[in-house]
C-alpha atoms as a PDB file:
ATOM      1  CA  UNK A   1      -8.047 -14.789  -9.117  1.00  0.00           C
ATOM      2  CA  UNK A   2      -8.858 -11.745 -11.204  1.00  0.00           C
ATOM      3  CA  UNK A   3      -6.138 -10.109 -13.286  1.00  0.00           C
ATOM      4  CA  UNK A   4      -7.194  -6.535 -12.417  1.00  0.00           C
ATOM      5  CA  UNK A   5      -6.802  -4.808  -9.053  1.00  0.00           C
ATOM      6  CA  UNK A   6      -7.615  -1.237  -8.046  1.00  0.00           C
ATOM      7  CA  UNK A   7      -7.023   0.604  -4.802  1.00  0.00           C
ATOM      8  CA  UNK A   8      -6.009   3.732  -2.942  1.00  0.00           C
ATOM      9  CA  UNK A   9      -2.521   4.403  -1.611  1.00  0.00           C
ATOM     10  CA  UNK A  10      -1.598   6.792   1.192  1.00  0.00           C
ATOM     11  CA  UNK A  11       1.976   7.847   1.939  1.00  0.00           C
ATOM     12  CA  UNK A  12       3.494  10.220   4.481  1.00  0.00           C
ATOM     13  CA  UNK A  13       7.151  10.973   5.064  1.00  0.00           C
ATOM     14  CA  UNK A  14       9.613  13.202   6.801  1.00  0.00           C
ATOM     15  CA  UNK A  15      13.100  14.376   5.866  1.00  0.00           C
ATOM     16  CA  UNK A  16      15.478  15.119   8.731  1.00  0.00           C
ATOM     17  CA  UNK A  17      18.036  17.929   8.464  1.00  0.00           C
ATOM     18  CA  UNK A  18      20.924  15.449   8.196  1.00  0.00           C
ATOM     19  CA  UNK A  19      19.441  13.830   5.038  1.00  0.00           C
ATOM     20  CA  UNK A  20      17.710  10.795   6.537  1.00  0.00           C
ATOM     21  CA  UNK A  21      14.239   9.999   5.203  1.00  0.00           C
ATOM     22  CA  UNK A  22      11.464   8.168   7.070  1.00  0.00           C
ATOM     23  CA  UNK A  23       8.131   7.236   5.488  1.00  0.00           C
ATOM     24  CA  UNK A  24       5.068   5.114   6.076  1.00  0.00           C
ATOM     25  CA  UNK A  25       2.271   4.089   3.786  1.00  0.00           C
ATOM     26  CA  UNK A  26      -0.954   2.142   3.504  1.00  0.00           C
ATOM     27  CA  UNK A  27      -2.536   0.542   0.449  1.00  0.00           C
ATOM     28  CA  UNK A  28      -6.273  -0.103   0.519  1.00  0.00           C
ATOM     29  CA  UNK A  29      -7.560  -2.618  -2.046  1.00  0.00           C
ATOM     30  CA  UNK A  30     -10.999  -1.789  -3.425  1.00  0.00           C
ATOM     31  CA  UNK A  31     -11.753  -4.714  -5.754  1.00  0.00           C
ATOM     32  CA  UNK A  32     -12.587  -8.290  -4.855  1.00  0.00           C
ATOM     33  CA  UNK A  33      -9.765 -10.480  -6.204  1.00  0.00           C
ATOM     34  CA  UNK A  34     -11.766 -13.749  -6.210  1.00  0.00           C
ATOM     35  CA  UNK A  35     -13.842 -14.895  -9.179  1.00  0.00           C
ATOM     36  CA  UNK A  36     -17.317 -16.379  -8.921  1.00  0.00           C
ATOM     37  CA  UNK A  37     -17.333 -17.273  -5.219  1.00  0.00           C
ATOM     38  CA  UNK A  38     -20.530 -16.036  -3.580  1.00  0.00           C
ATOM     39  CA  UNK A  39     -20.152 -14.295  -0.229  1.00  0.00           C
ATOM     40  CA  UNK A  40     -16.339 -14.588  -0.082  1.00  0.00           C
ATOM     41  CA  UNK A  41     -14.069 -11.590  -0.616  1.00  0.00           C
ATOM     42  CA  UNK A  42     -10.328 -11.154  -0.836  1.00  0.00           C
ATOM     43  CA  UNK A  43      -8.879  -7.641  -1.003  1.00  0.00           C
ATOM     44  CA  UNK A  44      -5.282  -6.468  -0.876  1.00  0.00           C
ATOM     45  CA  UNK A  45      -4.125  -4.479   2.164  1.00  0.00           C
ATOM     46  CA  UNK A  46      -0.538  -3.265   2.490  1.00  0.00           C
ATOM     47  CA  UNK A  47       1.277  -1.400   5.261  1.00  0.00           C
ATOM     48  CA  UNK A  48       4.805  -0.197   4.477  1.00  0.00           C
ATOM     49  CA  UNK A  49       7.614   1.561   6.311  1.00  0.00           C
ATOM     50  CA  UNK A  50      10.761   2.936   4.720  1.00  0.00           C
ATOM     51  CA  UNK A  51      14.002   4.602   5.671  1.00  0.00           C
ATOM     52  CA  UNK A  52      16.588   6.172   3.408  1.00  0.00           C
ATOM     53  CA  UNK A  53      19.317   8.723   2.990  1.00  0.00           C
ATOM     54  CA  UNK A  54      19.418  11.545   0.449  1.00  0.00           C
ATOM     55  CA  UNK A  55      22.851  12.523  -0.832  1.00  0.00           C
END
């Protein structure tokens, strides 16, 4: 495995009038995380969902 990773992150959210927060995101890995293996790639992909409350 390589020690360095780079990617793009996208996040969208919404705040309701009563203070609740809802968000969703996606992380797109751009670098191959495997060392010296020809023809094989491994990239990070992350999907996230969050809820919260703002005081």
